[in-house]
Protein backbone atom coordinates (compact mmCIF):
# COMPACT_ATOMS: atom_id res chain seq x y z
CA MET A 1 172.78 134.24 136.60
CA LYS A 2 170.26 136.41 138.31
CA THR A 3 170.85 138.05 141.70
CA LEU A 4 168.90 139.32 144.74
CA ILE A 5 170.19 140.95 147.82
CA SER A 6 168.12 141.07 151.00
CA HIS A 7 168.10 144.51 152.63
CA SER A 8 166.51 142.84 156.06
CA THR A 9 168.77 141.65 158.61
CA ASP A 10 165.67 139.71 160.43
CA PRO A 11 166.76 136.10 160.61
CA TYR A 12 163.07 134.70 160.61
CA PHE A 13 162.44 137.00 157.30
CA ASN A 14 165.75 136.09 155.33
CA LEU A 15 164.97 132.31 155.94
CA ALA A 16 161.46 132.61 154.84
CA TRP A 17 162.69 134.68 152.00
CA GLU A 18 165.38 132.14 150.97
CA GLU A 19 162.78 129.29 151.02
CA TYR A 20 160.21 131.25 149.01
CA ILE A 21 162.60 131.91 146.32
CA PHE A 22 163.75 128.55 146.15
CA LYS A 23 160.50 126.78 145.72
CA HIS A 24 158.37 129.45 144.26
CA ILE A 25 160.29 131.79 141.80
CA GLU A 26 160.75 130.57 138.63
CA CYS A 27 163.89 131.43 136.63
CA ASP A 28 165.68 129.87 133.60
CA GLU A 29 168.79 131.05 135.01
CA ASP A 30 170.65 130.35 138.28
CA ILE A 31 169.73 132.82 141.15
CA LEU A 32 172.26 134.19 143.60
CA LEU A 33 170.88 135.38 146.93
CA LEU A 34 173.26 137.38 149.24
CA TRP A 35 172.18 138.49 152.77
CA ARG A 36 173.10 138.79 156.47
CA ASN A 37 171.21 138.26 159.70
CA ALA A 38 171.14 140.10 163.23
CA PRO A 39 172.62 137.79 165.74
CA SER A 40 171.08 134.31 165.63
CA VAL A 41 171.80 130.73 165.54
CA ILE A 42 170.69 128.68 162.67
CA VAL A 43 170.39 124.99 163.39
CA GLY A 44 170.47 122.35 160.72
CA ARG A 45 167.14 120.45 159.32
CA ASN A 46 168.16 117.17 161.33
CA GLN A 47 169.72 118.54 164.43
CA ILE A 48 168.55 118.64 167.98
CA ILE A 49 168.68 122.06 169.53
CA TYR A 50 169.78 121.20 172.85
CA GLY A 51 172.58 119.11 171.99
CA GLU A 52 173.92 122.13 169.63
CA VAL A 53 173.04 125.28 171.23
CA GLU A 54 173.70 126.67 174.68
CA VAL A 55 169.96 127.54 174.85
CA ALA A 56 169.93 129.41 178.21
CA TYR A 57 172.58 131.90 176.88
CA CYS A 58 170.54 132.57 173.77
CA LYS A 59 167.53 133.03 175.62
CA THR A 60 169.26 135.53 178.38
CA HIS A 61 170.77 137.42 175.30
CA ASN A 62 167.82 137.51 172.98
CA ILE A 63 169.44 135.39 170.48
CA PRO A 64 166.76 133.45 168.22
CA ILE A 65 167.33 129.90 167.54
CA ILE A 66 165.67 128.88 163.96
CA ARG A 67 165.93 125.79 162.02
CA ARG A 68 166.38 125.89 158.53
CA ILE A 69 165.22 123.58 155.65
CA SER A 70 168.74 122.12 154.68
CA GLY A 71 171.10 119.66 156.64
CA GLY A 72 174.31 120.31 158.09
CA GLY A 73 175.54 121.84 161.26
CA THR A 74 174.79 124.65 163.33
CA VAL A 75 175.97 128.01 162.70
CA TYR A 76 175.99 131.48 164.39
CA HIS A 77 174.92 134.45 162.29
CA ASP A 78 175.58 138.08 162.94
CA LEU A 79 176.17 141.26 160.93
CA GLY A 80 179.89 140.42 160.49
CA ASN A 81 178.86 137.06 158.49
CA LEU A 82 177.73 137.22 155.07
CA ASN A 83 175.24 134.38 153.84
CA TYR A 84 175.06 133.15 150.13
CA SER A 85 172.65 130.97 148.40
CA VAL A 86 172.73 129.63 144.74
CA ILE A 87 169.54 128.06 143.57
CA THR A 88 169.93 125.98 140.20
CA LYS A 89 168.36 123.50 137.98
CA GLN A 90 171.45 122.54 136.33
CA TYR A 91 173.02 120.42 139.40
CA LYS A 92 172.72 116.96 137.82
CA ASP A 93 176.33 117.01 136.80
CA VAL A 94 177.71 118.49 139.97
CA ILE A 95 175.44 116.71 142.54
CA SER A 96 177.00 117.03 146.13
CA ASN A 97 180.04 118.87 144.28
CA TYR A 98 180.61 121.86 147.26
CA ALA A 99 183.73 122.52 145.50
CA TYR A 100 181.92 123.62 142.31
CA PHE A 101 179.63 125.97 144.10
CA THR A 102 182.09 127.61 146.24
CA LYS A 103 184.56 128.12 143.56
CA PRO A 104 183.63 131.77 143.00
CA ILE A 105 184.22 132.67 146.52
CA LEU A 106 187.71 130.92 146.44
CA THR A 107 188.84 132.80 143.30
CA PHE A 108 187.50 136.07 144.65
CA LEU A 109 189.28 135.72 147.99
CA ASN A 110 192.61 134.41 146.32
CA ASN A 111 192.26 137.70 144.15
CA LEU A 112 192.33 139.68 147.56
CA GLY A 113 195.41 137.84 148.24
CA ILE A 114 194.02 135.51 150.77
CA HIS A 115 194.99 131.94 150.36
CA ALA A 116 191.70 130.15 151.18
CA THR A 117 191.22 126.76 150.08
CA PHE A 118 188.25 124.18 150.06
CA SER A 119 188.45 121.55 152.80
CA GLY A 120 186.81 118.14 153.51
CA LYS A 121 183.38 117.79 152.42
CA SER A 122 182.05 121.56 152.45
CA ASP A 123 184.27 124.06 154.19
CA LEU A 124 186.38 126.58 153.38
CA LYS A 125 189.55 127.30 155.39
CA ILE A 126 192.31 129.83 155.58
CA GLY A 127 195.09 127.38 156.90
CA ASN A 128 193.43 125.28 159.48
CA GLN A 129 190.71 127.63 160.43
CA LYS A 130 187.22 127.52 158.87
CA ILE A 131 185.64 130.64 157.30
CA SER A 132 182.66 129.05 155.53
CA GLY A 133 180.37 125.88 155.98
CA ASN A 134 177.97 124.80 153.43
CA ALA A 135 174.67 122.75 153.16
CA GLN A 136 172.55 121.69 150.20
CA ILE A 137 168.85 120.61 149.65
CA TYR A 138 166.83 119.50 146.87
CA HIS A 139 163.20 120.27 145.95
CA GLN A 140 161.33 118.81 142.85
CA ASN A 141 163.99 119.84 139.95
CA ARG A 142 166.08 122.32 141.85
CA MET A 143 168.77 122.50 144.16
CA LEU A 144 169.77 125.07 146.93
CA HIS A 145 173.27 125.36 147.71
CA HIS A 146 173.94 127.74 150.48
CA GLY A 147 176.66 128.73 153.12
CA THR A 148 178.19 131.16 155.39
CA LEU A 149 181.24 133.50 155.03
CA LEU A 150 182.77 134.73 158.41
CA LEU A 151 184.06 138.31 157.49
CA GLU A 152 184.07 140.11 160.91
CA SER A 153 181.84 138.05 163.22
CA ASP A 154 181.89 138.38 166.87
CA LEU A 155 183.98 134.91 167.42
CA ASN A 156 183.76 135.03 171.12
CA ARG A 157 180.09 135.22 170.99
CA LEU A 158 180.10 132.23 168.36
CA ASN A 159 182.02 130.20 170.97
CA GLN A 160 179.52 131.00 173.72
CA VAL A 161 176.49 130.16 171.82
CA ILE A 162 177.53 126.70 170.11
CA LYS A 163 177.60 123.88 172.61
CA LEU A 164 180.55 121.75 173.22
CA GLU A 165 180.11 118.28 172.14
CA THR A 166 177.64 116.26 174.64
CA LYS A 167 177.29 112.69 175.01
CA ASP A 168 174.28 112.82 177.19
CA ILE A 169 171.92 112.96 174.24
CA ILE A 170 171.20 109.74 172.30
CA SER A 171 169.78 110.22 168.82
CA ILE A 172 169.85 109.58 165.10
CA GLY A 173 170.07 113.60 164.72
CA VAL A 174 173.22 114.90 162.89
CA PRO A 175 175.82 116.39 164.95
CA SER A 176 177.81 119.52 164.39
CA ASN A 177 181.62 119.13 163.30
CA ARG A 178 183.12 121.76 165.51
CA SER A 179 186.21 123.50 164.04
CA MET A 180 188.55 126.54 164.83
CA VAL A 181 187.31 129.58 162.94
CA THR A 182 188.77 132.86 161.82
CA ASN A 183 187.44 135.81 160.08
CA VAL A 184 188.35 136.79 156.46
CA TYR A 185 188.93 140.46 157.56
CA ASP A 186 191.64 139.46 159.71
CA HIS A 187 193.58 138.17 156.64
CA LEU A 188 193.01 141.11 154.17
CA LYS A 189 196.02 143.14 153.34
CA THR A 190 193.82 146.18 152.73
CA LYS A 191 190.68 147.04 154.93
CA MET A 192 187.40 146.82 153.01
CA SER A 193 183.69 147.53 154.47
CA PHE A 194 181.28 145.06 154.33
CA HIS A 195 179.28 146.93 151.54
CA ASP A 196 182.38 147.21 149.16
CA PHE A 197 182.88 143.40 150.06
CA LEU A 198 179.48 142.44 149.14
CA TYR A 199 179.44 144.52 145.92
CA ASN A 200 182.73 143.28 144.63
CA LEU A 201 181.83 139.69 145.42
CA GLN A 202 178.51 140.11 143.61
CA ALA A 203 180.29 141.74 140.51
CA HIS A 204 182.72 139.13 140.45
CA TRP A 205 179.95 136.31 140.85
CA VAL A 206 177.85 137.45 138.09
CA TYR A 207 180.56 138.39 135.52
CA PRO A 208 180.60 138.92 132.49
CA LYS A 209 176.80 140.38 133.07
CA THR A 210 176.97 143.38 135.36
CA ILE A 211 175.18 143.58 138.49
CA GLN A 212 172.38 145.93 137.02
CA GLU A 213 171.80 143.13 134.09
CA SER A 214 171.59 140.13 136.73
CA SER A 215 169.28 142.12 139.04
CA LEU A 216 166.03 140.12 139.83
CA GLU A 217 162.91 141.81 141.68
CA LEU A 218 160.03 140.43 143.69
CA SER A 219 156.45 141.48 143.50
CA VAL A 220 154.49 142.94 146.36
CA LEU A 221 152.62 139.68 146.41
CA ASP A 222 155.89 137.83 146.95
CA PHE A 223 156.79 139.82 149.85
CA GLN A 224 153.26 139.09 151.51
CA ALA A 225 153.74 135.35 150.88
CA ILE A 226 157.48 135.62 152.42
CA GLU A 227 155.90 137.39 155.44
CA GLN A 228 153.21 134.62 155.79
CA LEU A 229 155.80 131.82 155.73
CA LYS A 230 157.78 133.66 158.21
CA GLN A 231 155.00 133.84 160.86
CA SER A 232 153.56 130.72 160.09
CA LYS A 233 156.84 128.41 160.03
CA TYR A 234 159.91 130.15 161.06
CA HIS A 235 158.37 131.98 164.19
CA SER A 236 156.82 128.82 165.38
CA TRP A 237 157.66 126.27 168.24
CA ALA A 238 156.42 123.51 165.97
CA TRP A 239 159.08 124.08 163.25
CA ASN A 240 162.13 124.97 165.37
CA TYR A 241 161.68 122.67 168.26
CA GLY A 242 158.97 120.34 167.17
CA GLU A 243 160.53 119.25 164.00
CA SER A 244 163.77 117.93 165.93
CA PRO A 245 164.66 114.38 165.48
CA ALA A 246 163.53 112.19 168.34
CA PHE A 247 166.22 111.72 171.19
CA GLU A 248 166.99 110.54 174.74
CA ILE A 249 168.73 112.08 177.51
CA HIS A 250 170.35 110.20 180.03
CA LYS A 251 171.87 111.78 183.04
CA GLU A 252 173.75 110.61 186.30
CA ILE A 253 172.28 112.25 189.36
CA GLY A 254 174.67 110.70 192.08
CA ILE A 255 173.91 107.06 192.39
CA ASN A 256 170.70 107.43 190.13
CA GLN A 257 169.79 108.20 186.47
CA ILE A 258 167.23 110.37 184.95
CA GLN A 259 166.05 109.42 181.52
CA VAL A 260 163.72 111.43 179.24
CA LYS A 261 162.75 110.59 175.78
CA VAL A 262 161.49 113.38 173.40
CA THR A 263 159.37 113.01 170.28
CA GLU A 264 158.44 115.57 168.06
CA GLY A 265 159.40 118.19 170.66
CA PHE A 266 157.24 116.59 173.56
CA ILE A 267 158.37 114.66 176.58
CA GLU A 268 157.04 111.09 175.68
CA LYS A 269 158.71 109.45 178.51
CA CYS A 270 160.31 110.22 181.89
CA LEU A 271 162.06 107.82 184.22
CA TYR A 272 164.04 108.30 187.47
CA THR A 273 165.70 105.27 189.13
CA ASN A 274 165.02 106.84 192.66
CA GLU A 275 161.68 104.83 193.19
CA LEU A 276 160.58 107.29 195.78
CA LYS A 277 160.94 110.10 193.55
CA SER A 278 160.15 108.45 190.43
CA GLN A 279 156.40 109.58 190.45
CA ILE A 280 157.47 113.26 190.38
CA ILE A 281 159.32 113.19 187.16
CA THR A 282 156.64 111.10 185.25
CA ALA A 283 154.31 113.83 185.78
CA LEU A 284 156.11 115.82 183.34
CA LYS A 285 155.01 113.52 180.40
CA GLY A 286 153.49 115.13 177.63
CA ILE A 287 154.80 118.67 177.89
CA PRO A 288 156.92 120.46 175.48
CA PHE A 289 160.79 119.78 176.04
CA ASP A 290 161.28 123.39 176.48
CA VAL A 291 162.51 125.22 179.78
CA SER A 292 159.51 127.89 179.78
CA ALA A 293 157.13 124.89 179.56
CA TYR A 294 158.89 122.97 182.13
CA GLN A 295 158.81 125.93 184.21
CA THR A 296 154.98 126.34 183.83
CA ALA A 297 154.40 122.72 184.41
CA ILE A 298 156.25 122.37 187.75
CA ALA A 299 154.34 125.46 188.97
CA GLN A 300 151.50 123.24 190.02
CA PHE A 301 153.56 120.98 192.46
CA ASP A 302 153.80 121.58 196.36
CA ASN A 303 157.10 123.31 197.29
CA GLU A 304 158.74 120.23 198.17
CA HIS A 305 158.15 118.41 194.99
CA LYS A 306 158.93 121.86 193.05
CA LYS A 307 162.31 122.11 194.83
CA GLN A 308 163.13 118.63 193.57
CA LEU A 309 161.89 119.38 189.97
CA GLU A 310 164.02 122.56 189.87
CA SER A 311 166.88 120.67 190.42
CA PHE A 312 165.93 118.56 187.55
CA LYS A 313 165.36 121.34 185.22
CA ASP A 314 168.87 122.51 185.85
CA ILE A 315 170.22 119.09 184.78
CA LEU A 316 168.03 118.24 181.68
CA PHE A 317 168.54 121.66 180.10
CA LYS A 318 172.15 122.21 180.75
């Protein structure tokens, strides 16, 4: 096994770094990536941001919301969370076997005296509390298995950014499975720094090789390509919001109902059952389903209509 550790905590860079290595770095051995991000919300490939994330909270607190290339649910990252990725060509005998890929983490935690177990399809738990979620994706003849590991994350903020289940959104998008969570460090008998934990986990994972023997290096050209991918894809509205599955929002406003259909991130259809005000909402057709774009669009209306559209904004983007 070869290993790489990202020294960046930029979530846009790290997601591009992971994808680039997965798709472009040829290696006869499996590759283990270890990395962590500054505060950010990472949504699954087939998820609807407004159904999973408290977008207004994230915007207020400058927490980026980024779509990843794999499926699965929405997760909160911060410097107290460790991300791991395993890239392999030897997956045919263990396809969708999440327990196989998470076994090194479980044995490592068990060696530390923590009774962690594999749970359900893809989670690791201590008791009934989740410490890790996992997802997979295939590309050509390779598979990427990756997951999170809550070490000392801000669980209060995690609960602030992850939206409670909503029934207002209708879609084929994949909803997250909400779970009770805990931090690994709350169960450690002996305190350990993040860097010690990282080093010891890496050494455990690559054994009998040493960390030095397993090290993999990227070239200057690789880093240039990663930076380009970061800017063109992960920083783009087209990827993070435009790649959302189509969805509809149905909300009650007194005796009336507002319905909005969103396709590829843009409002395709707007209906409001109050006939006197229905033309106001239909004027929003064609704009991005984004609170900033909405605010810009309603600025063109007179004060009376603008006031009504402001109230719609609070309802639609809640």
